[in-house]
């Protein structure tokens, strides 16, 4: 809901990886994916992905990420010289809009 009708900051890449096929299908049905794609997000196939340093989204030296995953340790998402911060989906949406870690309350 936070991203609906808004655009992701031009310096941000937002990668959304559903945790399962069920979540993927529900997001297709309820309009979640439509709002995310229209805002500029990339939707990947369900399962493991960027959060474990696989395929799209692997972090390079000095790159900063705000992730909604439950784990955060050096090198988890690629380079051990990258920076990973954890936040809720609402914080991730506000951050994507503003291009910096942001408080989502003004978007609710």
N, C-alpha and C. Protein backbone atom coordinates (compact mmCIF):
# COMPACT_ATOMS: atom_id res chain seq x y z
N UNK A 1 0.80 -1.21 0.00
CA UNK A 1 0.00 0.00 0.00
C UNK A 1 0.83 1.27 0.00
N UNK A 2 1.99 1.24 0.65
CA UNK A 2 2.86 2.43 0.73
C UNK A 2 3.36 2.81 -0.66
N UNK A 3 3.70 1.84 -1.48
CA UNK A 3 4.25 2.13 -2.80
C UNK A 3 3.21 2.39 -3.88
N UNK A 4 1.96 2.05 -3.63
CA UNK A 4 0.92 2.20 -4.64
C UNK A 4 0.83 3.65 -5.10
N UNK A 5 1.00 3.85 -6.41
CA UNK A 5 0.93 5.18 -6.99
C UNK A 5 2.19 6.02 -6.84
N UNK A 6 3.25 5.43 -6.28
CA UNK A 6 4.51 6.16 -6.09
C UNK A 6 5.62 5.48 -6.89
N UNK A 7 6.72 6.19 -7.10
CA UNK A 7 7.86 5.65 -7.82
C UNK A 7 9.04 5.46 -6.88
N UNK A 8 9.79 4.42 -7.15
CA UNK A 8 11.01 4.15 -6.39
C UNK A 8 12.07 5.18 -6.78
N UNK A 9 12.83 5.64 -5.81
CA UNK A 9 13.90 6.62 -6.04
C UNK A 9 14.82 6.11 -7.15
N UNK A 10 15.27 6.99 -8.05
CA UNK A 10 16.08 6.54 -9.20
C UNK A 10 17.41 5.86 -8.85
N UNK A 11 17.93 6.09 -7.64
CA UNK A 11 19.19 5.46 -7.26
C UNK A 11 18.98 4.14 -6.51
N UNK A 12 17.73 3.70 -6.41
CA UNK A 12 17.40 2.49 -5.66
C UNK A 12 17.02 1.37 -6.62
N UNK A 13 17.45 0.15 -6.31
CA UNK A 13 16.90 -1.01 -7.01
C UNK A 13 16.19 -1.84 -5.95
N UNK A 14 14.94 -2.10 -6.22
CA UNK A 14 14.12 -2.87 -5.28
C UNK A 14 13.86 -4.23 -5.90
N UNK A 15 14.33 -5.26 -5.21
CA UNK A 15 14.16 -6.63 -5.68
C UNK A 15 13.24 -7.34 -4.70
N UNK A 16 12.15 -7.90 -5.21
CA UNK A 16 11.16 -8.60 -4.39
C UNK A 16 11.19 -10.07 -4.76
N UNK A 17 11.50 -10.92 -3.77
CA UNK A 17 11.53 -12.36 -3.99
C UNK A 17 10.54 -13.02 -3.02
N UNK A 18 9.41 -13.48 -3.53
CA UNK A 18 8.45 -14.16 -2.66
C UNK A 18 9.05 -15.42 -2.06
N UNK A 19 8.68 -15.72 -0.83
CA UNK A 19 9.25 -16.87 -0.14
C UNK A 19 8.73 -18.21 -0.60
N UNK A 20 7.61 -18.23 -1.32
CA UNK A 20 7.04 -19.50 -1.78
C UNK A 20 6.14 -19.26 -2.99
N UNK A 21 5.78 -20.35 -3.64
CA UNK A 21 4.85 -20.27 -4.76
C UNK A 21 3.49 -19.78 -4.32
N UNK A 22 3.06 -20.16 -3.12
CA UNK A 22 1.77 -19.71 -2.59
C UNK A 22 1.77 -18.19 -2.42
N UNK A 23 2.81 -17.65 -1.82
CA UNK A 23 2.92 -16.20 -1.64
C UNK A 23 2.93 -15.50 -3.00
N UNK A 24 3.65 -16.08 -3.96
CA UNK A 24 3.72 -15.52 -5.32
C UNK A 24 2.31 -15.44 -5.93
N UNK A 25 1.57 -16.52 -5.87
CA UNK A 25 0.22 -16.55 -6.45
C UNK A 25 -0.73 -15.58 -5.74
N UNK A 26 -0.64 -15.49 -4.42
CA UNK A 26 -1.49 -14.55 -3.67
C UNK A 26 -1.18 -13.11 -4.07
N UNK A 27 0.11 -12.79 -4.22
CA UNK A 27 0.50 -11.43 -4.60
C UNK A 27 0.07 -11.09 -6.02
N UNK A 28 0.00 -12.09 -6.89
CA UNK A 28 -0.53 -11.88 -8.24
C UNK A 28 -2.02 -11.56 -8.18
N UNK A 29 -2.75 -12.31 -7.37
CA UNK A 29 -4.21 -12.17 -7.29
C UNK A 29 -4.65 -10.88 -6.62
N UNK A 30 -3.95 -10.47 -5.56
CA UNK A 30 -4.45 -9.34 -4.76
C UNK A 30 -3.93 -7.97 -5.22
N UNK A 31 -3.15 -7.93 -6.29
CA UNK A 31 -2.68 -6.65 -6.82
C UNK A 31 -1.36 -6.16 -6.25
N UNK A 32 -0.79 -6.90 -5.31
CA UNK A 32 0.49 -6.49 -4.71
C UNK A 32 1.58 -6.35 -5.77
N UNK A 33 1.72 -7.36 -6.63
CA UNK A 33 2.77 -7.30 -7.65
C UNK A 33 2.55 -6.15 -8.62
N UNK A 34 1.31 -5.89 -8.98
CA UNK A 34 1.02 -4.79 -9.90
C UNK A 34 1.51 -3.46 -9.32
N UNK A 35 1.21 -3.21 -8.05
CA UNK A 35 1.65 -1.96 -7.41
C UNK A 35 3.17 -1.90 -7.33
N UNK A 36 3.81 -3.02 -7.00
CA UNK A 36 5.28 -3.04 -6.89
C UNK A 36 5.94 -2.79 -8.25
N UNK A 37 5.47 -3.47 -9.28
CA UNK A 37 6.06 -3.31 -10.62
C UNK A 37 5.84 -1.90 -11.14
N UNK A 38 4.64 -1.35 -10.95
CA UNK A 38 4.37 0.02 -11.40
C UNK A 38 5.25 1.04 -10.69
N UNK A 39 5.66 0.74 -9.47
CA UNK A 39 6.54 1.67 -8.74
C UNK A 39 8.00 1.53 -9.17
N UNK A 40 8.33 0.43 -9.86
CA UNK A 40 9.70 0.24 -10.34
C UNK A 40 10.42 -0.96 -9.75
N UNK A 41 9.73 -1.79 -8.99
CA UNK A 41 10.36 -2.97 -8.38
C UNK A 41 10.54 -4.10 -9.40
N UNK A 42 11.51 -4.94 -9.13
CA UNK A 42 11.75 -6.16 -9.91
C UNK A 42 11.24 -7.33 -9.08
N UNK A 43 10.39 -8.17 -9.68
CA UNK A 43 9.88 -9.36 -9.00
C UNK A 43 10.65 -10.56 -9.54
N UNK A 44 11.21 -11.37 -8.64
CA UNK A 44 11.92 -12.58 -9.05
C UNK A 44 11.07 -13.81 -8.72
N UNK A 45 11.51 -14.95 -9.20
CA UNK A 45 10.78 -16.19 -8.91
C UNK A 45 10.90 -16.52 -7.42
N UNK A 46 9.93 -17.27 -6.89
CA UNK A 46 9.93 -17.57 -5.46
C UNK A 46 11.11 -18.44 -5.03
N UNK A 47 11.50 -18.27 -3.78
CA UNK A 47 12.58 -19.08 -3.20
C UNK A 47 13.75 -18.24 -2.78
N UNK A 48 14.88 -18.88 -2.65
CA UNK A 48 16.10 -18.19 -2.24
C UNK A 48 16.64 -17.34 -3.38
N UNK A 49 17.24 -16.23 -3.03
CA UNK A 49 17.75 -15.33 -4.05
C UNK A 49 18.78 -14.39 -3.48
N UNK A 50 18.52 -13.10 -3.61
CA UNK A 50 19.47 -12.08 -3.20
C UNK A 50 19.84 -12.17 -1.72
N UNK A 51 18.91 -12.60 -0.89
CA UNK A 51 19.18 -12.61 0.56
C UNK A 51 20.25 -13.61 0.96
N UNK A 52 20.56 -14.56 0.10
CA UNK A 52 21.66 -15.49 0.39
C UNK A 52 22.79 -15.34 -0.63
N UNK A 53 22.80 -14.21 -1.32
CA UNK A 53 23.88 -13.92 -2.26
C UNK A 53 23.79 -14.69 -3.56
N UNK A 54 22.58 -15.03 -4.00
CA UNK A 54 22.38 -15.74 -5.26
C UNK A 54 21.75 -14.82 -6.30
N UNK A 55 22.03 -15.03 -7.52
CA UNK A 55 21.55 -14.34 -8.72
C UNK A 55 21.31 -12.86 -8.52
N UNK A 56 20.17 -12.32 -8.96
CA UNK A 56 19.96 -10.87 -8.93
C UNK A 56 20.17 -10.30 -7.54
N UNK A 57 20.82 -9.16 -7.47
CA UNK A 57 20.92 -8.46 -6.20
C UNK A 57 22.16 -8.72 -5.37
N UNK A 58 23.12 -9.49 -5.88
CA UNK A 58 24.34 -9.73 -5.10
C UNK A 58 25.05 -8.39 -4.89
N UNK A 59 25.41 -8.11 -3.65
CA UNK A 59 26.00 -6.82 -3.30
C UNK A 59 27.48 -6.75 -3.62
N UNK A 60 27.91 -5.60 -4.11
CA UNK A 60 29.31 -5.33 -4.41
C UNK A 60 29.95 -4.59 -3.24
N UNK A 61 31.26 -4.43 -3.28
CA UNK A 61 31.99 -3.68 -2.26
C UNK A 61 31.34 -2.30 -2.07
N UNK A 62 31.05 -1.93 -0.83
CA UNK A 62 30.52 -0.61 -0.51
C UNK A 62 29.04 -0.42 -0.76
N UNK A 63 28.38 -1.39 -1.37
CA UNK A 63 26.95 -1.25 -1.65
C UNK A 63 26.15 -1.39 -0.36
N UNK A 64 25.04 -0.66 -0.26
CA UNK A 64 24.19 -0.66 0.94
C UNK A 64 22.84 -1.28 0.60
N UNK A 65 22.34 -2.10 1.51
CA UNK A 65 21.06 -2.77 1.30
C UNK A 65 20.22 -2.68 2.56
N UNK A 66 18.93 -2.42 2.37
CA UNK A 66 17.97 -2.58 3.45
C UNK A 66 17.14 -3.80 3.07
N UNK A 67 17.20 -4.84 3.86
CA UNK A 67 16.53 -6.10 3.56
C UNK A 67 15.45 -6.41 4.58
N UNK A 68 14.46 -7.19 4.17
CA UNK A 68 13.39 -7.60 5.07
C UNK A 68 13.57 -9.04 5.53
N UNK A 69 14.72 -9.60 5.27
CA UNK A 69 15.02 -10.98 5.68
C UNK A 69 15.36 -11.04 7.18
N UNK A 70 15.37 -12.23 7.77
CA UNK A 70 15.63 -12.31 9.21
C UNK A 70 17.09 -12.45 9.60
N UNK A 71 18.01 -12.48 8.64
CA UNK A 71 19.42 -12.68 8.99
C UNK A 71 20.30 -11.61 8.38
N UNK A 72 21.36 -11.27 9.13
CA UNK A 72 22.26 -10.21 8.69
C UNK A 72 23.66 -10.53 9.22
N UNK A 73 24.57 -10.90 8.34
CA UNK A 73 25.96 -11.05 8.75
C UNK A 73 26.86 -10.73 7.57
N UNK A 74 28.09 -10.38 7.88
CA UNK A 74 29.03 -9.91 6.88
C UNK A 74 29.18 -10.93 5.74
N UNK A 75 28.98 -10.48 4.53
CA UNK A 75 29.14 -11.31 3.35
C UNK A 75 27.92 -12.13 2.98
N UNK A 76 26.87 -12.06 3.74
CA UNK A 76 25.69 -12.90 3.46
C UNK A 76 25.12 -12.65 2.07
N UNK A 77 25.10 -11.42 1.62
CA UNK A 77 24.46 -11.09 0.35
C UNK A 77 25.48 -10.75 -0.74
N UNK A 78 26.70 -11.17 -0.58
CA UNK A 78 27.72 -10.87 -1.58
C UNK A 78 29.00 -10.44 -0.90
N UNK A 79 29.49 -9.29 -1.26
CA UNK A 79 30.77 -8.81 -0.75
C UNK A 79 30.75 -8.61 0.77
N UNK A 80 31.80 -9.07 1.45
CA UNK A 80 31.90 -8.78 2.88
C UNK A 80 32.17 -7.30 3.16
N UNK A 81 32.39 -6.52 2.10
CA UNK A 81 32.60 -5.08 2.24
C UNK A 81 31.32 -4.30 1.90
N UNK A 82 30.18 -4.99 1.86
CA UNK A 82 28.89 -4.32 1.66
C UNK A 82 28.24 -4.10 3.03
N UNK A 83 27.14 -3.37 3.05
CA UNK A 83 26.45 -3.04 4.29
C UNK A 83 25.00 -3.49 4.19
N UNK A 84 24.54 -4.28 5.16
CA UNK A 84 23.17 -4.80 5.16
C UNK A 84 22.47 -4.32 6.43
N UNK A 85 21.34 -3.67 6.24
CA UNK A 85 20.49 -3.26 7.35
C UNK A 85 19.18 -4.02 7.23
N UNK A 86 18.56 -4.35 8.35
CA UNK A 86 17.30 -5.07 8.34
C UNK A 86 16.16 -4.15 8.73
N UNK A 87 15.02 -4.32 8.09
CA UNK A 87 13.85 -3.51 8.40
C UNK A 87 12.57 -4.23 8.01
N UNK A 88 11.46 -3.68 8.40
CA UNK A 88 10.15 -4.24 8.06
C UNK A 88 9.83 -3.93 6.60
N UNK A 89 8.83 -4.59 6.03
CA UNK A 89 8.40 -4.23 4.68
C UNK A 89 7.98 -2.76 4.56
N UNK A 90 7.38 -2.21 5.60
CA UNK A 90 6.98 -0.80 5.56
C UNK A 90 8.22 0.11 5.50
N UNK A 91 9.24 -0.20 6.28
CA UNK A 91 10.48 0.58 6.23
C UNK A 91 11.14 0.43 4.85
N UNK A 92 11.11 -0.77 4.30
CA UNK A 92 11.69 -1.00 2.97
C UNK A 92 10.97 -0.16 1.91
N UNK A 93 9.64 -0.09 1.99
CA UNK A 93 8.88 0.70 1.02
C UNK A 93 9.21 2.19 1.14
N UNK A 94 9.22 2.71 2.36
CA UNK A 94 9.54 4.13 2.56
C UNK A 94 10.97 4.43 2.11
N UNK A 95 11.88 3.52 2.39
CA UNK A 95 13.28 3.66 1.98
C UNK A 95 13.40 3.67 0.46
N UNK A 96 12.65 2.81 -0.21
CA UNK A 96 12.69 2.77 -1.67
C UNK A 96 12.22 4.09 -2.27
N UNK A 97 11.22 4.70 -1.67
CA UNK A 97 10.71 5.99 -2.17
C UNK A 97 11.72 7.11 -1.94
N UNK A 98 12.29 7.16 -0.75
CA UNK A 98 13.15 8.29 -0.37
C UNK A 98 14.61 8.13 -0.77
N UNK A 99 15.06 6.91 -1.01
CA UNK A 99 16.45 6.70 -1.38
C UNK A 99 17.40 6.69 -0.20
N UNK A 100 16.84 6.61 1.01
CA UNK A 100 17.62 6.52 2.24
C UNK A 100 16.74 5.83 3.27
N UNK A 101 17.32 5.27 4.32
CA UNK A 101 16.51 4.59 5.32
C UNK A 101 15.52 5.59 5.89
N UNK A 102 14.21 5.22 5.82
CA UNK A 102 13.16 6.19 6.12
C UNK A 102 12.09 5.59 7.03
N UNK A 103 11.44 6.47 7.75
CA UNK A 103 10.32 6.13 8.63
C UNK A 103 9.05 6.02 7.77
N UNK A 104 8.36 4.89 7.81
CA UNK A 104 7.18 4.73 6.95
C UNK A 104 5.91 5.38 7.47
N UNK A 105 5.90 5.88 8.69
CA UNK A 105 4.65 6.38 9.27
C UNK A 105 3.99 7.49 8.48
N UNK A 106 4.78 8.31 7.80
CA UNK A 106 4.16 9.40 7.03
C UNK A 106 3.47 8.89 5.77
N UNK A 107 3.68 7.61 5.40
CA UNK A 107 3.04 7.03 4.23
C UNK A 107 1.83 6.17 4.59
N UNK A 108 1.57 5.99 5.86
CA UNK A 108 0.46 5.12 6.28
C UNK A 108 -0.84 5.87 6.37
